Amino acid sequence: MIDAEDSTTRAWEVVVNAEGQHSIWPVGKTLPAGWSLTGFRASKPACLAHIGETWPDIRPRSVQGEVSA
């Protein structure tokens, strides 16, 4: 079943948490605790593309820079 809420006509926002992890969230929905808006709002595909361009290291900040043995 295709969810109309996921169509390219619905507006989405890129959100980020304290660990620097990015996600998308539907415009108008209350954000979960710990997440904040980045200011980028567009269609779902555009938001996902923006995340792909601006978030190259998908590891949480707490593990970035750790050297594996």
C-alpha atoms as a PDB file:
ATOM      1  CA  MET A   1       0.000   0.000   0.000  1.00  0.00           C
ATOM      2  CA  ILE A   2       1.316   3.452  -0.903  1.00  0.00           C
ATOM      3  CA  ASP A   3       1.034   6.047   1.834  1.00  0.00           C
ATOM      4  CA  ALA A   4      -0.077   9.424   0.498  1.00  0.00           C
ATOM      5  CA  GLU A   5       1.832  11.066   3.359  1.00  0.00           C
ATOM      6  CA  ASP A   6       5.093   9.914   1.719  1.00  0.00           C
ATOM      7  CA  SER A   7       4.321  11.407  -1.665  1.00  0.00           C
ATOM      8  CA  THR A   8       6.580  14.029  -3.142  1.00  0.00           C
ATOM      9  CA  THR A   9       3.863  16.647  -2.623  1.00  0.00           C
ATOM     10  CA  ARG A  10       4.089  16.598   1.175  1.00  0.00           C
ATOM     11  CA  ALA A  11       6.586  18.973   2.768  1.00  0.00           C
ATOM     12  CA  TRP A  12       9.347  17.533   4.936  1.00  0.00           C
ATOM     13  CA  GLU A  13      12.068  19.071   7.079  1.00  0.00           C
ATOM     14  CA  VAL A  14      15.603  17.927   7.737  1.00  0.00           C
ATOM     15  CA  VAL A  15      16.225  17.485  11.451  1.00  0.00           C
ATOM     16  CA  VAL A  16      19.380  16.791  13.463  1.00  0.00           C
ATOM     17  CA  ASN A  17      20.108  15.473  16.942  1.00  0.00           C
ATOM     18  CA  ALA A  18      22.945  16.194  19.403  1.00  0.00           C
ATOM     19  CA  GLU A  19      25.021  13.389  17.865  1.00  0.00           C
ATOM     20  CA  GLY A  20      24.834  15.103  14.460  1.00  0.00           C
ATOM     21  CA  GLN A  21      22.592  12.414  13.017  1.00  0.00           C
ATOM     22  CA  HIS A  22      20.189  13.661  10.362  1.00  0.00           C
ATOM     23  CA  SER A  23      16.691  12.545   9.483  1.00  0.00           C
ATOM     24  CA  ILE A  24      13.525  13.872   7.887  1.00  0.00           C
ATOM     25  CA  TRP A  25      10.327  14.821   9.647  1.00  0.00           C
ATOM     26  CA  PRO A  26       6.909  15.822   8.298  1.00  0.00           C
ATOM     27  CA  VAL A  27       6.249  19.571   8.421  1.00  0.00           C
ATOM     28  CA  GLY A  28       3.764  20.420  11.156  1.00  0.00           C
ATOM     29  CA  LYS A  29       4.411  17.355  13.329  1.00  0.00           C
ATOM     30  CA  THR A  30       5.878  17.886  16.788  1.00  0.00           C
ATOM     31  CA  LEU A  31       9.544  16.972  16.860  1.00  0.00           C
ATOM     32  CA  PRO A  32      10.644  14.210  19.217  1.00  0.00           C
ATOM     33  CA  ALA A  33      12.794  15.239  22.189  1.00  0.00           C
ATOM     34  CA  GLY A  34      16.427  15.736  21.260  1.00  0.00           C
ATOM     35  CA  TRP A  35      15.852  16.694  17.625  1.00  0.00           C
ATOM     36  CA  SER A  36      15.959  20.181  16.115  1.00  0.00           C
ATOM     37  CA  LEU A  37      15.258  21.722  12.723  1.00  0.00           C
ATOM     38  CA  THR A  38      18.122  22.498  10.355  1.00  0.00           C
ATOM     39  CA  GLY A  39      16.120  24.997   8.321  1.00  0.00           C
ATOM     40  CA  PHE A  40      15.925  22.852   5.175  1.00  0.00           C
ATOM     41  CA  ARG A  41      12.350  22.164   4.047  1.00  0.00           C
ATOM     42  CA  ALA A  42      11.366  20.508   0.759  1.00  0.00           C
ATOM     43  CA  SER A  43       9.901  17.346  -0.743  1.00  0.00           C
ATOM     44  CA  LYS A  44      10.974  14.002   0.719  1.00  0.00           C
ATOM     45  CA  PRO A  45      13.367  13.200  -2.153  1.00  0.00           C
ATOM     46  CA  ALA A  46      14.935  16.676  -1.958  1.00  0.00           C
ATOM     47  CA  CYS A  47      15.404  16.384   1.821  1.00  0.00           C
ATOM     48  CA  LEU A  48      17.026  12.968   1.441  1.00  0.00           C
ATOM     49  CA  ALA A  49      19.323  14.336  -1.278  1.00  0.00           C
ATOM     50  CA  HIS A  50      20.247  17.274   0.963  1.00  0.00           C
ATOM     51  CA  ILE A  51      21.136  14.884   3.790  1.00  0.00           C
ATOM     52  CA  GLY A  52      23.279  12.864   1.402  1.00  0.00           C
ATOM     53  CA  GLU A  53      25.194  15.988   0.397  1.00  0.00           C
ATOM     54  CA  THR A  54      25.621  17.558   3.838  1.00  0.00           C
ATOM     55  CA  TRP A  55      26.130  14.558   6.126  1.00  0.00           C
ATOM     56  CA  PRO A  56      29.066  12.584   4.688  1.00  0.00           C
ATOM     57  CA  ASP A  57      30.093  10.806   7.904  1.00  0.00           C
ATOM     58  CA  ILE A  58      26.975   9.069   9.214  1.00  0.00           C
ATOM     59  CA  ARG A  59      28.609   7.896  12.430  1.00  0.00           C
ATOM     60  CA  PRO A  60      27.393   9.595  15.612  1.00  0.00           C
ATOM     61  CA  ARG A  61      29.691  12.403  16.809  1.00  0.00           C
ATOM     62  CA  SER A  62      30.553  10.373  19.908  1.00  0.00           C
ATOM     63  CA  VAL A  63      32.346   7.749  17.786  1.00  0.00           C
ATOM     64  CA  GLN A  64      33.823   9.971  15.095  1.00  0.00           C
ATOM     65  CA  GLY A  65      37.529  10.229  15.523  1.00  0.00           C
ATOM     66  CA  GLU A  66      37.793   6.941  17.400  1.00  0.00           C
ATOM     67  CA  VAL A  67      40.483   4.727  15.963  1.00  0.00           C
ATOM     68  CA  SER A  68      39.587   1.087  15.541  1.00  0.00           C
ATOM     69  CA  ALA A  69      42.204  -1.459  16.570  1.00  0.00           C
END
